[in-house]
Amino acid sequence: MADVAYRSESYPTTRLRTDWGAIWGGTFTFMAIWSVFGALGLAIFASNANPNAAAPVTGQSYGLGIWVIILTIIAMYVAGRETGRYAGVTNRHDGLIHGMMMFGLSVVGTLILFTLGGSALSGGAGVSTGVHSSYVIGTLTLLGWMGFVALFLGWLAAMWGASSGTAPRQAASNVRDIRTAA
């Protein structure tokens, strides 16, 4: 028996649900890519540091900041693309929405992991109040700006990836027109 499709009138359908499985999958994809290559960047930049130097190494925070920006853009794009593909969205708007939700969940999840990890590493003591040197404040300011740029460009990359990861509708081959009933 041959596979024959019959053409009839069809009405455009809208997505009524958000695919949270796809959003969680994209979030874990982002965290996996970001943590693996983030550890690589940290190892590369930390291996250049000299603990015996009298002055702190200059330029390392710039290099690490640029690494984080590029890594966030790539990881968010890949995770957004997988979110759009897993969700099976068929138009760009639904892809943008899924990418935005994946971005938000990824940021919240990463902040929670950093907070818990930082608390565990410091023994629950938090930040000491004696770190008000100009070097520390300058480094935190630089990392704040680099973090903002990384998050903003990562947000755009997540939405772009999810909207480009949409599954195109494929036209059926061997289609015949049918006459509607009276």
C-alpha atoms as a PDB file:
ATOM      1  CA  MET A   1       0.000   0.000   0.000  1.00  0.00           C
ATOM      2  CA  ALA A   2       1.427   3.367  -0.972  1.00  0.00           C
ATOM      3  CA  ASP A   3       1.724   6.205   1.490  1.00  0.00           C
ATOM      4  CA  VAL A   4      -0.641   8.864   0.235  1.00  0.00           C
ATOM      5  CA  ALA A   5      -1.495  12.035   2.070  1.00  0.00           C
ATOM      6  CA  TYR A   6      -4.670  13.949   1.304  1.00  0.00           C
ATOM      7  CA  ARG A   7      -4.687  17.716   1.402  1.00  0.00           C
ATOM      8  CA  SER A   8      -7.513  19.321   3.266  1.00  0.00           C
ATOM      9  CA  GLU A   9      -8.104  22.682   4.843  1.00  0.00           C
ATOM     10  CA  SER A  10      -5.910  23.224   7.823  1.00  0.00           C
ATOM     11  CA  TYR A  11      -5.984  25.986  10.341  1.00  0.00           C
ATOM     12  CA  PRO A  12      -2.832  27.392  11.881  1.00  0.00           C
ATOM     13  CA  THR A  13      -2.184  25.991  15.295  1.00  0.00           C
ATOM     14  CA  THR A  14      -0.559  27.848  18.126  1.00  0.00           C
ATOM     15  CA  ARG A  15       1.555  26.377  20.869  1.00  0.00           C
ATOM     16  CA  LEU A  16      -0.398  26.355  24.054  1.00  0.00           C
ATOM     17  CA  ARG A  17       2.311  24.905  26.255  1.00  0.00           C
ATOM     18  CA  THR A  18       5.879  25.588  27.124  1.00  0.00           C
ATOM     19  CA  ASP A  19       8.130  22.565  26.865  1.00  0.00           C
ATOM     20  CA  TRP A  20       9.884  22.610  30.233  1.00  0.00           C
ATOM     21  CA  GLY A  21      11.774  19.413  29.477  1.00  0.00           C
ATOM     22  CA  ALA A  22      13.482  21.177  26.587  1.00  0.00           C
ATOM     23  CA  ILE A  23      14.227  24.221  28.759  1.00  0.00           C
ATOM     24  CA  TRP A  24      15.785  22.055  31.494  1.00  0.00           C
ATOM     25  CA  GLY A  25      17.741  20.147  28.848  1.00  0.00           C
ATOM     26  CA  GLY A  26      19.093  23.424  27.463  1.00  0.00           C
ATOM     27  CA  THR A  27      19.968  24.599  30.971  1.00  0.00           C
ATOM     28  CA  PHE A  28      21.977  21.468  31.703  1.00  0.00           C
ATOM     29  CA  THR A  29      23.612  21.722  28.278  1.00  0.00           C
ATOM     30  CA  PHE A  30      24.683  25.285  29.089  1.00  0.00           C
ATOM     31  CA  MET A  31      25.994  24.358  32.526  1.00  0.00           C
ATOM     32  CA  ALA A  32      27.959  21.409  31.156  1.00  0.00           C
ATOM     33  CA  ILE A  33      29.618  23.414  28.377  1.00  0.00           C
ATOM     34  CA  TRP A  34      30.258  26.422  30.596  1.00  0.00           C
ATOM     35  CA  SER A  35      31.720  24.475  33.502  1.00  0.00           C
ATOM     36  CA  VAL A  36      34.046  22.308  31.387  1.00  0.00           C
ATOM     37  CA  PHE A  37      35.453  25.136  29.280  1.00  0.00           C
ATOM     38  CA  GLY A  38      35.332  27.567  32.201  1.00  0.00           C
ATOM     39  CA  ALA A  39      37.591  25.217  34.134  1.00  0.00           C
ATOM     40  CA  LEU A  40      39.892  25.084  31.106  1.00  0.00           C
ATOM     41  CA  GLY A  41      40.096  28.895  30.950  1.00  0.00           C
ATOM     42  CA  LEU A  42      40.652  29.138  34.695  1.00  0.00           C
ATOM     43  CA  ALA A  43      43.468  26.571  34.470  1.00  0.00           C
ATOM     44  CA  ILE A  44      45.100  28.435  31.590  1.00  0.00           C
ATOM     45  CA  PHE A  45      44.966  31.837  33.277  1.00  0.00           C
ATOM     46  CA  ALA A  46      45.838  30.530  36.747  1.00  0.00           C
ATOM     47  CA  SER A  47      48.886  28.709  35.408  1.00  0.00           C
ATOM     48  CA  ASN A  48      50.317  32.066  34.298  1.00  0.00           C
ATOM     49  CA  ALA A  49      50.061  33.571  37.766  1.00  0.00           C
ATOM     50  CA  ASN A  50      53.210  33.820  39.857  1.00  0.00           C
ATOM     51  CA  PRO A  51      52.442  33.613  43.577  1.00  0.00           C
ATOM     52  CA  ASN A  52      55.953  34.886  44.439  1.00  0.00           C
ATOM     53  CA  ALA A  53      55.529  38.165  42.552  1.00  0.00           C
ATOM     54  CA  ALA A  54      55.528  41.322  44.662  1.00  0.00           C
ATOM     55  CA  ALA A  55      52.694  42.948  42.701  1.00  0.00           C
ATOM     56  CA  PRO A  56      49.563  41.194  41.492  1.00  0.00           C
ATOM     57  CA  VAL A  57      49.628  40.018  37.898  1.00  0.00           C
ATOM     58  CA  THR A  58      48.025  42.642  35.697  1.00  0.00           C
ATOM     59  CA  GLY A  59      45.929  41.759  32.703  1.00  0.00           C
ATOM     60  CA  GLN A  60      44.798  38.361  33.923  1.00  0.00           C
ATOM     61  CA  SER A  61      41.362  39.609  34.862  1.00  0.00           C
ATOM     62  CA  TYR A  62      40.975  41.085  31.364  1.00  0.00           C
ATOM     63  CA  GLY A  63      41.912  37.811  29.728  1.00  0.00           C
ATOM     64  CA  LEU A  64      39.649  35.769  31.984  1.00  0.00           C
ATOM     65  CA  GLY A  65      36.815  38.260  31.465  1.00  0.00           C
ATOM     66  CA  ILE A  66      37.097  38.025  27.687  1.00  0.00           C
ATOM     67  CA  TRP A  67      37.224  34.227  27.981  1.00  0.00           C
ATOM     68  CA  VAL A  68      34.016  34.259  30.060  1.00  0.00           C
ATOM     69  CA  ILE A  69      32.243  36.527  27.550  1.00  0.00           C
ATOM     70  CA  ILE A  70      33.133  34.341  24.560  1.00  0.00           C
ATOM     71  CA  LEU A  71      32.390  31.137  26.465  1.00  0.00           C
ATOM     72  CA  THR A  72      28.993  32.407  27.632  1.00  0.00           C
ATOM     73  CA  ILE A  73      27.985  33.429  24.109  1.00  0.00           C
ATOM     74  CA  ILE A  74      28.959  30.057  22.640  1.00  0.00           C
ATOM     75  CA  ALA A  75      27.437  27.997  25.466  1.00  0.00           C
ATOM     76  CA  MET A  76      24.172  29.962  25.425  1.00  0.00           C
ATOM     77  CA  TYR A  77      23.879  29.690  21.646  1.00  0.00           C
ATOM     78  CA  VAL A  78      24.419  25.921  21.666  1.00  0.00           C
ATOM     79  CA  ALA A  79      22.067  25.432  24.619  1.00  0.00           C
ATOM     80  CA  GLY A  80      19.430  27.686  23.034  1.00  0.00           C
ATOM     81  CA  ARG A  81      19.671  25.804  19.767  1.00  0.00           C
ATOM     82  CA  GLU A  82      19.180  22.494  21.559  1.00  0.00           C
ATOM     83  CA  THR A  83      16.257  23.947  23.525  1.00  0.00           C
ATOM     84  CA  GLY A  84      14.532  25.014  20.314  1.00  0.00           C
ATOM     85  CA  ARG A  85      15.168  21.643  18.720  1.00  0.00           C
ATOM     86  CA  TYR A  86      14.041  19.626  21.782  1.00  0.00           C
ATOM     87  CA  ALA A  87      10.903  21.722  22.139  1.00  0.00           C
ATOM     88  CA  GLY A  88       9.972  21.110  18.524  1.00  0.00           C
ATOM     89  CA  VAL A  89       8.965  24.728  18.023  1.00  0.00           C
ATOM     90  CA  THR A  90       8.028  25.594  14.487  1.00  0.00           C
ATOM     91  CA  ASN A  91       8.247  29.378  14.496  1.00  0.00           C
ATOM     92  CA  ARG A  92      10.794  31.933  15.619  1.00  0.00           C
ATOM     93  CA  HIS A  93       8.605  33.540  18.286  1.00  0.00           C
ATOM     94  CA  ASP A  94       8.186  30.310  20.220  1.00  0.00           C
ATOM     95  CA  GLY A  95      11.916  29.726  19.835  1.00  0.00           C
ATOM     96  CA  LEU A  96      12.680  33.171  21.279  1.00  0.00           C
ATOM     97  CA  ILE A  97      10.405  32.531  24.249  1.00  0.00           C
ATOM     98  CA  HIS A  98      11.966  29.125  24.944  1.00  0.00           C
ATOM     99  CA  GLY A  99      15.462  30.619  24.624  1.00  0.00           C
ATOM    100  CA  MET A 100      14.625  33.426  27.041  1.00  0.00           C
ATOM    101  CA  MET A 101      13.233  30.989  29.591  1.00  0.00           C
ATOM    102  CA  MET A 102      16.285  28.730  29.227  1.00  0.00           C
ATOM    103  CA  PHE A 103      18.548  31.758  29.744  1.00  0.00           C
ATOM    104  CA  GLY A 104      16.720  32.790  32.906  1.00  0.00           C
ATOM    105  CA  LEU A 105      16.791  29.296  34.366  1.00  0.00           C
ATOM    106  CA  SER A 106      20.493  28.954  33.490  1.00  0.00           C
ATOM    107  CA  VAL A 107      21.393  32.238  35.194  1.00  0.00           C
ATOM    108  CA  VAL A 108      19.428  31.410  38.336  1.00  0.00           C
ATOM    109  CA  GLY A 109      20.875  27.883  38.464  1.00  0.00           C
ATOM    110  CA  THR A 110      24.424  29.160  37.973  1.00  0.00           C
ATOM    111  CA  LEU A 111      23.998  31.804  40.683  1.00  0.00           C
ATOM    112  CA  ILE A 112      22.691  29.194  43.098  1.00  0.00           C
ATOM    113  CA  LEU A 113      25.633  26.880  42.347  1.00  0.00           C
ATOM    114  CA  PHE A 114      28.158  29.720  42.753  1.00  0.00           C
ATOM    115  CA  THR A 115      26.564  30.824  46.017  1.00  0.00           C
ATOM    116  CA  LEU A 116      26.530  27.314  47.458  1.00  0.00           C
ATOM    117  CA  GLY A 117      30.047  26.596  46.191  1.00  0.00           C
ATOM    118  CA  GLY A 118      31.437  29.872  47.529  1.00  0.00           C
ATOM    119  CA  SER A 119      29.814  29.306  50.887  1.00  0.00           C
ATOM    120  CA  ALA A 120      31.220  25.787  51.071  1.00  0.00           C
ATOM    121  CA  LEU A 121      34.731  26.938  50.100  1.00  0.00           C
ATOM    122  CA  SER A 122      34.762  29.759  52.645  1.00  0.00           C
ATOM    123  CA  GLY A 123      33.500  27.505  55.414  1.00  0.00           C
ATOM    124  CA  GLY A 124      30.353  29.598  55.750  1.00  0.00           C
ATOM    125  CA  ALA A 125      32.376  32.615  56.895  1.00  0.00           C
ATOM    126  CA  GLY A 126      31.477  34.745  53.884  1.00  0.00           C
ATOM    127  CA  VAL A 127      33.638  37.645  52.715  1.00  0.00           C
ATOM    128  CA  SER A 128      35.919  39.190  55.296  1.00  0.00           C
ATOM    129  CA  THR A 129      35.628  42.918  55.832  1.00  0.00           C
ATOM    130  CA  GLY A 130      39.352  43.599  55.406  1.00  0.00           C
ATOM    131  CA  VAL A 131      39.469  43.353  51.616  1.00  0.00           C
ATOM    132  CA  HIS A 132      38.953  46.992  50.688  1.00  0.00           C
ATOM    133  CA  SER A 133      42.149  47.500  48.715  1.00  0.00           C
ATOM    134  CA  SER A 134      41.989  49.428  45.464  1.00  0.00           C
ATOM    135  CA  TYR A 135      43.154  46.326  43.577  1.00  0.00           C
ATOM    136  CA  VAL A 136      40.258  44.197  44.854  1.00  0.00           C
ATOM    137  CA  ILE A 137      37.700  46.937  44.204  1.00  0.00           C
ATOM    138  CA  GLY A 138      39.088  47.532  40.699  1.00  0.00           C
ATOM    139  CA  THR A 139      39.040  43.815  39.942  1.00  0.00           C
ATOM    140  CA  LEU A 140      35.463  43.458  41.177  1.00  0.00           C
ATOM    141  CA  THR A 141      34.407  46.458  39.089  1.00  0.00           C
ATOM    142  CA  LEU A 142      36.036  44.994  36.003  1.00  0.00           C
ATOM    143  CA  LEU A 143      34.468  41.595  36.606  1.00  0.00           C
ATOM    144  CA  GLY A 144      31.094  43.259  37.159  1.00  0.00           C
ATOM    145  CA  TRP A 145      31.250  44.960  33.766  1.00  0.00           C
ATOM    146  CA  MET A 146      32.563  41.839  32.068  1.00  0.00           C
ATOM    147  CA  GLY A 147      29.788  39.829  33.747  1.00  0.00           C
ATOM    148  CA  PHE A 148      27.171  42.260  32.478  1.00  0.00           C
ATOM    149  CA  VAL A 149      28.494  42.059  28.909  1.00  0.00           C
ATOM    150  CA  ALA A 150      28.674  38.252  29.118  1.00  0.00           C
ATOM    151  CA  LEU A 151      25.104  37.997  30.403  1.00  0.00           C
ATOM    152  CA  PHE A 152      23.677  40.463  27.896  1.00  0.00           C
ATOM    153  CA  LEU A 153      25.363  38.861  24.891  1.00  0.00           C
ATOM    154  CA  GLY A 154      24.575  35.400  26.285  1.00  0.00           C
ATOM    155  CA  TRP A 155      20.903  36.360  26.538  1.00  0.00           C
ATOM    156  CA  LEU A 156      20.870  37.411  22.884  1.00  0.00           C
ATOM    157  CA  ALA A 157      22.771  34.252  21.880  1.00  0.00           C
ATOM    158  CA  ALA A 158      20.295  32.019  23.755  1.00  0.00           C
ATOM    159  CA  MET A 159      17.319  33.583  22.016  1.00  0.00           C
ATOM    160  CA  TRP A 160      19.080  33.520  18.634  1.00  0.00           C
ATOM    161  CA  GLY A 161      20.069  29.884  19.094  1.00  0.00           C
ATOM    162  CA  ALA A 162      16.584  28.802  20.157  1.00  0.00           C
ATOM    163  CA  SER A 163      14.931  30.634  17.279  1.00  0.00           C
ATOM    164  CA  SER A 164      17.367  29.151  14.766  1.00  0.00           C
ATOM    165  CA  GLY A 165      16.936  25.692  16.275  1.00  0.00           C
ATOM    166  CA  THR A 166      13.323  25.500  15.212  1.00  0.00           C
ATOM    167  CA  ALA A 167      12.303  22.430  13.289  1.00  0.00           C
ATOM    168  CA  PRO A 168      11.113  23.399   9.813  1.00  0.00           C
ATOM    169  CA  ARG A 169       7.859  21.904   8.646  1.00  0.00           C
ATOM    170  CA  GLN A 170       8.486  19.438   5.900  1.00  0.00           C
ATOM    171  CA  ALA A 171       6.176  19.241   2.955  1.00  0.00           C
ATOM    172  CA  ALA A 172       4.731  15.827   2.380  1.00  0.00           C
ATOM    173  CA  SER A 173       5.494  14.183  -0.877  1.00  0.00           C
ATOM    174  CA  ASN A 174       2.795  12.458  -2.883  1.00  0.00           C
ATOM    175  CA  VAL A 175      -0.058  14.745  -1.813  1.00  0.00           C
ATOM    176  CA  ARG A 176      -3.460  14.684  -3.505  1.00  0.00           C
ATOM    177  CA  ASP A 177      -6.219  17.233  -3.219  1.00  0.00           C
ATOM    178  CA  ILE A 178      -9.538  16.074  -1.858  1.00  0.00           C
ATOM    179  CA  ARG A 179     -12.896  17.644  -2.268  1.00  0.00           C
ATOM    180  CA  THR A 180     -14.561  18.739   0.961  1.00  0.00           C
ATOM    181  CA  ALA A 181     -17.912  17.248   1.820  1.00  0.00           C
ATOM    182  CA  ALA A 182     -20.945  19.361   1.091  1.00  0.00           C
END
